[in-house]
Protein backbone atom coordinates (compact mmCIF):
# COMPACT_ATOMS: atom_id res chain seq x y z
CA MET A 1 60.88 -72.84 -31.07
CA SER A 2 60.81 -69.72 -28.93
CA LEU A 3 58.45 -69.66 -25.96
CA ALA A 4 56.78 -66.59 -27.49
CA ASP A 5 55.94 -68.59 -30.64
CA LYS A 6 54.42 -71.41 -28.59
CA ILE A 7 52.34 -69.02 -26.48
CA PHE A 8 51.11 -67.21 -29.57
CA LYS A 9 50.22 -70.40 -31.46
CA ASP A 10 48.39 -71.92 -28.51
CA MET A 11 46.49 -68.68 -27.86
CA CYS A 12 45.39 -68.27 -31.48
CA ARG A 13 44.36 -71.91 -31.79
CA ASP A 14 42.27 -71.62 -28.64
CA ILE A 15 40.56 -68.42 -29.81
CA ILE A 16 39.69 -69.86 -33.23
CA ASP A 17 38.54 -73.25 -31.90
CA ASN A 18 36.82 -72.19 -28.67
CA GLY A 19 36.13 -68.48 -28.91
CA VAL A 20 32.82 -66.61 -29.07
CA ASP A 21 31.79 -65.31 -32.51
CA THR A 22 30.31 -61.78 -32.43
CA LYS A 23 28.92 -61.90 -35.97
CA GLY A 24 25.47 -60.33 -36.05
CA GLU A 25 25.87 -58.78 -32.60
CA LYS A 26 25.99 -55.06 -31.86
CA VAL A 27 29.66 -54.05 -32.21
CA ARG A 28 31.43 -50.69 -32.50
CA PRO A 29 34.44 -51.33 -34.82
CA THR A 30 34.23 -50.97 -38.60
CA TRP A 31 36.66 -51.84 -41.38
CA ALA A 32 38.72 -48.82 -42.40
CA ASP A 33 38.58 -49.78 -46.08
CA THR A 34 34.87 -50.62 -46.43
CA GLY A 35 33.10 -49.06 -43.47
CA GLU A 36 31.34 -52.38 -42.77
CA LYS A 37 31.03 -53.75 -39.24
CA ALA A 38 34.11 -55.68 -38.10
CA TYR A 39 33.23 -58.87 -36.21
CA THR A 40 35.54 -61.01 -34.12
CA VAL A 41 36.09 -64.38 -32.53
CA LYS A 42 37.09 -63.67 -28.94
CA LYS A 43 38.22 -65.18 -25.67
CA PHE A 44 37.80 -63.60 -22.25
CA GLY A 45 40.59 -63.35 -19.71
CA VAL A 46 43.65 -64.53 -21.62
CA VAL A 47 46.78 -64.61 -19.44
CA ASN A 48 50.25 -65.15 -20.91
CA ARG A 49 53.47 -65.31 -18.88
CA TYR A 50 56.90 -64.45 -20.31
CA ASP A 51 60.09 -65.09 -18.32
CA LEU A 52 62.27 -62.25 -19.59
CA SER A 53 65.30 -63.67 -17.76
CA LYS A 54 65.24 -66.66 -20.12
CA GLU A 55 64.44 -65.14 -23.51
CA PHE A 56 63.15 -62.02 -25.20
CA PRO A 57 59.53 -62.68 -26.29
CA ALA A 58 59.70 -61.62 -29.94
CA LEU A 59 57.83 -63.83 -32.40
CA THR A 60 59.92 -65.59 -35.00
CA LEU A 61 56.89 -66.59 -37.09
CA ARG A 62 57.10 -63.06 -38.50
CA ARG A 63 59.27 -60.09 -37.61
CA THR A 64 58.21 -57.63 -34.93
CA ALA A 65 59.53 -54.13 -35.62
CA ILE A 66 61.38 -53.80 -32.33
CA LYS A 67 62.63 -50.24 -32.81
CA SER A 68 59.24 -48.98 -33.94
CA CYS A 69 57.36 -50.51 -31.02
CA THR A 70 60.04 -49.21 -28.63
CA GLU A 71 59.69 -45.72 -30.12
CA GLU A 72 55.94 -45.83 -29.43
CA MET A 73 56.51 -47.00 -25.85
CA LEU A 74 59.00 -44.17 -25.26
CA TRP A 75 56.51 -41.70 -26.77
CA ILE A 76 54.07 -42.66 -24.01
CA TRP A 77 56.35 -43.46 -21.07
CA GLN A 78 59.34 -41.19 -21.60
CA ARG A 79 58.14 -38.20 -23.63
CA LYS A 80 54.65 -38.53 -22.10
CA SER A 81 53.16 -37.12 -25.26
CA ASN A 82 49.67 -37.26 -26.73
CA ASN A 83 50.67 -35.65 -30.03
CA ILE A 84 51.59 -37.75 -33.05
CA LYS A 85 54.00 -35.03 -34.20
CA ASP A 86 56.28 -36.34 -31.44
CA LEU A 87 56.12 -39.85 -32.89
CA ASN A 88 57.68 -41.03 -36.13
CA SER A 89 54.79 -43.30 -37.10
CA SER A 90 51.46 -43.21 -38.92
CA VAL A 91 49.78 -45.79 -36.62
CA TRP A 92 47.88 -43.14 -34.68
CA ASP A 93 46.85 -40.91 -37.59
CA GLU A 94 43.23 -42.18 -37.55
CA TRP A 95 42.71 -40.78 -34.04
CA ALA A 96 44.60 -37.47 -34.25
CA ASP A 97 42.98 -34.09 -34.80
CA GLU A 98 44.35 -31.33 -37.02
CA THR A 99 46.91 -30.36 -34.36
CA GLY A 100 48.16 -33.95 -34.02
CA SER A 101 46.58 -34.47 -30.60
CA ILE A 102 44.84 -37.71 -29.58
CA GLY A 103 43.19 -35.96 -26.64
CA LYS A 104 43.74 -36.69 -22.95
CA ALA A 105 45.01 -40.18 -23.66
CA TYR A 106 48.17 -42.25 -23.14
CA GLY A 107 51.13 -39.91 -22.59
CA TYR A 108 48.89 -37.13 -21.33
CA GLN A 109 47.82 -39.32 -18.42
CA MET A 110 51.38 -40.43 -17.68
CA ALA A 111 52.37 -36.78 -17.27
CA GLN A 112 49.72 -35.93 -14.68
CA LYS A 113 51.27 -35.13 -11.30
CA TYR A 114 49.96 -36.19 -7.91
CA ILE A 115 51.13 -35.96 -4.31
CA HIS A 116 53.49 -38.91 -4.21
CA HIS A 117 54.64 -38.46 -0.63
CA THR A 118 54.85 -35.88 2.13
CA ILE A 119 57.98 -34.88 4.03
CA LYS A 120 56.62 -34.21 7.50
CA ASP A 121 59.65 -32.31 8.77
CA ILE A 122 61.89 -30.42 6.35
CA SER A 123 64.16 -28.96 9.02
CA GLY A 124 66.79 -31.51 8.01
CA GLY A 125 66.51 -30.57 4.34
CA ILE A 126 64.72 -31.99 1.30
CA GLU A 127 65.91 -35.07 -0.53
CA ASP A 128 67.64 -34.76 -3.92
CA LEU A 129 64.94 -35.13 -6.58
CA SER A 130 67.03 -34.00 -9.55
CA SER A 131 66.77 -37.39 -11.27
CA TYR A 132 62.97 -37.09 -11.44
CA PRO A 133 62.13 -34.48 -14.12
CA SER A 134 58.52 -34.09 -13.02
CA ALA A 135 59.36 -33.49 -9.35
CA GLU A 136 57.71 -30.47 -7.77
CA VAL A 137 57.89 -29.60 -4.06
CA LYS A 138 55.23 -27.51 -2.34
CA ILE A 139 56.21 -26.34 1.13
CA ASP A 140 53.66 -25.64 3.82
CA GLY A 141 55.26 -24.53 7.06
CA ASN A 142 57.64 -27.24 8.20
CA LYS A 143 56.32 -29.93 5.85
CA ALA A 144 56.42 -30.42 2.11
CA ASP A 145 54.37 -32.32 -0.45
CA VAL A 146 56.37 -33.99 -3.23
CA TYR A 147 54.55 -34.19 -6.56
CA LEU A 148 55.62 -36.70 -9.22
CA ASP A 149 54.06 -37.97 -12.42
CA GLN A 150 53.21 -41.65 -12.84
CA VAL A 151 56.50 -42.72 -14.43
CA ASP A 152 58.70 -40.92 -11.93
CA GLY A 153 56.54 -42.31 -9.14
CA VAL A 154 57.25 -45.86 -10.33
CA ILE A 155 61.01 -45.30 -10.57
CA TYR A 156 61.15 -43.51 -7.20
CA ASP A 157 59.31 -46.34 -5.45
CA LEU A 158 61.37 -49.09 -7.08
CA LYS A 159 64.54 -47.35 -5.89
CA ASN A 160 63.34 -46.36 -2.43
CA ASN A 161 60.60 -48.81 -1.44
CA PRO A 162 60.92 -51.77 -3.83
CA TYR A 163 58.76 -54.19 -1.83
CA SER A 164 55.77 -51.86 -1.96
CA ARG A 165 52.64 -53.47 -3.38
CA ARG A 166 51.42 -50.11 -4.72
CA ILE A 167 53.80 -49.55 -7.63
CA MET A 168 51.60 -49.15 -10.67
CA THR A 169 50.39 -46.85 -13.43
CA ASN A 170 46.87 -46.35 -14.77
CA ILE A 171 45.83 -44.34 -17.82
CA TYR A 172 42.16 -45.40 -17.99
CA VAL A 173 40.82 -42.31 -16.21
CA HIS A 174 37.04 -42.17 -16.40
CA LYS A 175 36.68 -38.42 -15.97
CA ASP A 176 38.84 -37.88 -19.08
CA LEU A 177 37.41 -40.59 -21.34
CA HIS A 178 35.20 -38.13 -23.21
CA ASP A 179 38.35 -36.16 -24.11
CA MET A 180 40.23 -39.20 -25.41
CA HIS A 181 40.08 -39.82 -29.16
CA LEU A 182 40.80 -43.50 -28.43
CA TYR A 183 40.23 -45.28 -25.13
CA PRO A 184 43.50 -46.87 -23.93
CA CYS A 185 43.87 -50.55 -24.80
CA ALA A 186 46.94 -51.36 -22.70
CA TYR A 187 46.02 -49.24 -19.70
CA SER A 188 47.89 -50.35 -16.59
CA MET A 189 51.25 -51.69 -15.45
CA THR A 190 51.75 -53.14 -11.97
CA PHE A 191 55.35 -53.68 -10.88
CA ASN A 192 56.30 -56.22 -8.22
CA VAL A 193 59.75 -57.00 -6.87
CA THR A 194 60.99 -60.41 -5.77
CA LYS A 195 64.39 -61.94 -5.02
CA LYS A 196 66.03 -65.21 -5.98
CA PRO A 197 67.68 -67.27 -3.23
CA GLY A 198 71.40 -66.59 -2.99
CA CYS A 199 71.24 -63.58 -5.32
CA ASP A 200 71.98 -60.02 -4.22
CA LYS A 201 70.01 -58.24 -6.94
CA LEU A 202 66.28 -57.79 -6.74
CA VAL A 203 64.06 -59.09 -9.56
CA LEU A 204 61.60 -56.78 -11.34
CA ASN A 205 58.31 -58.34 -12.48
CA GLY A 206 55.34 -56.68 -14.12
CA ILE A 207 51.70 -57.24 -15.04
CA LEU A 208 50.39 -55.52 -18.17
CA ASN A 209 46.61 -55.14 -18.11
CA GLN A 210 44.87 -54.72 -21.43
CA ARG A 211 41.12 -54.29 -21.92
CA SER A 212 41.14 -55.29 -25.60
CA GLN A 213 43.59 -56.61 -28.15
CA ASP A 214 43.61 -57.16 -31.91
CA THR A 215 45.70 -60.34 -31.88
CA LEU A 216 47.11 -60.16 -35.41
CA ALA A 217 47.85 -56.44 -35.51
CA ALA A 218 49.04 -55.79 -31.96
CA ASN A 219 49.72 -58.79 -29.72
CA ASN A 220 53.45 -59.23 -30.10
CA TRP A 221 53.92 -55.49 -30.65
CA ASN A 222 52.58 -54.84 -27.14
CA VAL A 223 54.44 -57.77 -25.60
CA CYS A 224 57.77 -56.62 -27.05
CA GLN A 225 57.41 -52.94 -26.18
CA TYR A 226 56.56 -53.71 -22.55
CA ALA A 227 59.36 -56.28 -22.38
CA VAL A 228 61.72 -53.50 -23.47
CA LEU A 229 60.23 -51.21 -20.82
CA MET A 230 60.83 -53.87 -18.17
CA HIS A 231 64.46 -54.25 -19.22
CA MET A 232 65.00 -50.48 -19.19
CA ILE A 233 63.45 -49.89 -15.78
CA ALA A 234 65.24 -52.90 -14.29
CA GLN A 235 68.56 -51.53 -15.50
CA VAL A 236 68.06 -48.00 -14.15
CA CYS A 237 66.92 -49.44 -10.80
CA ASP A 238 69.86 -51.90 -10.64
CA MET A 239 67.61 -54.96 -10.74
CA GLN A 240 67.36 -58.15 -12.74
CA VAL A 241 64.45 -58.57 -15.10
CA GLY A 242 61.90 -61.23 -14.23
CA GLU A 243 58.41 -62.10 -15.49
CA LEU A 244 56.08 -60.08 -17.68
CA VAL A 245 52.49 -61.25 -17.23
CA HIS A 246 50.10 -60.09 -19.96
CA VAL A 247 46.42 -60.05 -18.98
CA ILE A 248 43.95 -59.43 -21.82
CA ALA A 249 40.26 -59.02 -20.99
CA ASP A 250 39.00 -59.31 -24.60
CA CYS A 251 41.52 -61.10 -26.80
CA HIS A 252 40.11 -61.30 -30.30
CA ILE A 253 40.81 -62.17 -33.91
CA TYR A 254 38.85 -60.27 -36.54
CA ASP A 255 36.94 -62.43 -39.01
CA ARG A 256 38.99 -61.18 -41.98
CA HIS A 257 42.19 -61.99 -40.06
CA ILE A 258 41.42 -65.66 -39.40
CA PRO A 259 42.93 -67.01 -42.67
CA LEU A 260 46.03 -64.86 -42.06
CA ILE A 261 46.36 -66.20 -38.52
CA GLU A 262 45.89 -69.80 -39.71
CA GLU A 263 48.74 -69.37 -42.18
CA LEU A 264 50.92 -67.61 -39.61
CA ILE A 265 50.65 -70.28 -36.93
CA SER A 266 51.41 -73.00 -39.48
CA ARG A 267 54.88 -71.57 -40.10
CA GLU A 268 58.22 -72.90 -38.98
CA GLU A 269 59.56 -71.47 -35.73
CA HIS A 270 63.10 -70.25 -35.08
CA PRO A 271 65.16 -69.81 -31.91
CA ALA A 272 64.43 -66.72 -29.84
CA PRO A 273 66.63 -63.71 -30.63
CA LYS A 274 69.14 -62.27 -28.19
CA PHE A 275 68.20 -58.91 -26.65
CA TRP A 276 70.82 -56.19 -26.20
CA LEU A 277 70.30 -53.05 -24.14
CA ASN A 278 72.96 -50.37 -23.92
CA PRO A 279 74.55 -51.06 -20.50
CA GLU A 280 75.89 -47.50 -20.21
CA ILE A 281 72.44 -45.93 -19.79
CA LYS A 282 71.39 -45.55 -16.15
CA ASP A 283 68.80 -42.78 -16.61
CA PHE A 284 65.44 -43.84 -18.08
CA TYR A 285 65.10 -40.50 -19.84
CA LYS A 286 68.35 -41.02 -21.76
CA PHE A 287 67.24 -44.17 -23.57
CA THR A 288 66.45 -44.01 -27.29
CA LYS A 289 65.30 -46.71 -29.69
CA ASP A 290 68.93 -47.02 -30.81
CA ASP A 291 69.91 -48.30 -27.35
CA ILE A 292 68.20 -51.63 -28.03
CA ARG A 293 68.84 -54.40 -30.52
CA LEU A 294 67.74 -57.95 -31.33
CA ASP A 295 70.63 -60.12 -32.46
CA ASP A 296 70.33 -63.39 -34.39
CA TYR A 297 66.70 -62.58 -35.17
CA GLU A 298 65.61 -65.06 -37.83
CA THR A 299 61.94 -64.87 -38.82
CA GLY A 300 59.34 -65.80 -41.36
CA PRO A 301 58.13 -63.22 -43.90
CA GLN A 302 55.96 -60.26 -43.02
CA ILE A 303 52.22 -60.28 -43.62
CA LYS A 304 51.46 -57.28 -45.79
CA ASN A 305 48.32 -55.18 -46.22
CA ILE A 306 46.58 -56.37 -43.06
CA PRO A 307 43.02 -54.96 -43.03
CA ILE A 308 42.54 -52.71 -40.01
CA ALA A 309 39.41 -52.22 -37.94
CA ILE A 310 38.83 -48.83 -36.31
């Protein structure tokens, strides 16, 4: 059994057996196919830990589409896009307008620049920022403000100040919520660097904060795409990959999903697959979905025609 399978089974069992049922309560989601209210059984404050140095956390109970979830992650983190025309997927169609935009959400927020740091004396020159595509320098007299977007800010800090406790992203921006067609579910990553005794390389760890998660439709999808992100950033920063901690405020199973979940967690498990990342890529912006692969990935069958709540 893979650790990811065990975590998933234990989490689902706990939600079904001990969760809070929202049936009859005031809820926002509706079923896409019927328009009826979509109720859940939910748990508050679910925390799952995945040691990425030991195994890649893909479920074997059913297959996770690793290239598709990676493509979505790169759409947000690398292309920093909020337009579904930049994404080869229909997942976001429900929330896109006629131009393909999902509003000021996800990639839009990643692309926003801020003053990352100030060079107080530029008489000795300005550092080379060519590896940070968003970098913009504004000179005022003998000092300069360096602007970066959120992704470049993370990579810069991991390379230049890895023990900082301020390395994080956040896309849940309250002033822009009214312009988002969908509020971000996975909204923040906090990166933290440690070191193993006797090892020269630093270890990259991360906490993924998620306000809400549809367990059947999205749990392992999110886990896998952020595990890939961790591997990519660790590689470009010359670090080892460590733990991914997934914190879910409202972890729920929709009522129509419960029989599907019960069948899923009754299945046979298989050994965790082996993760391959193209070792030649040292620039985060050069990665594509074809630079990753899961080898020896044996799984149970897919669950088809999952009803979706919107």
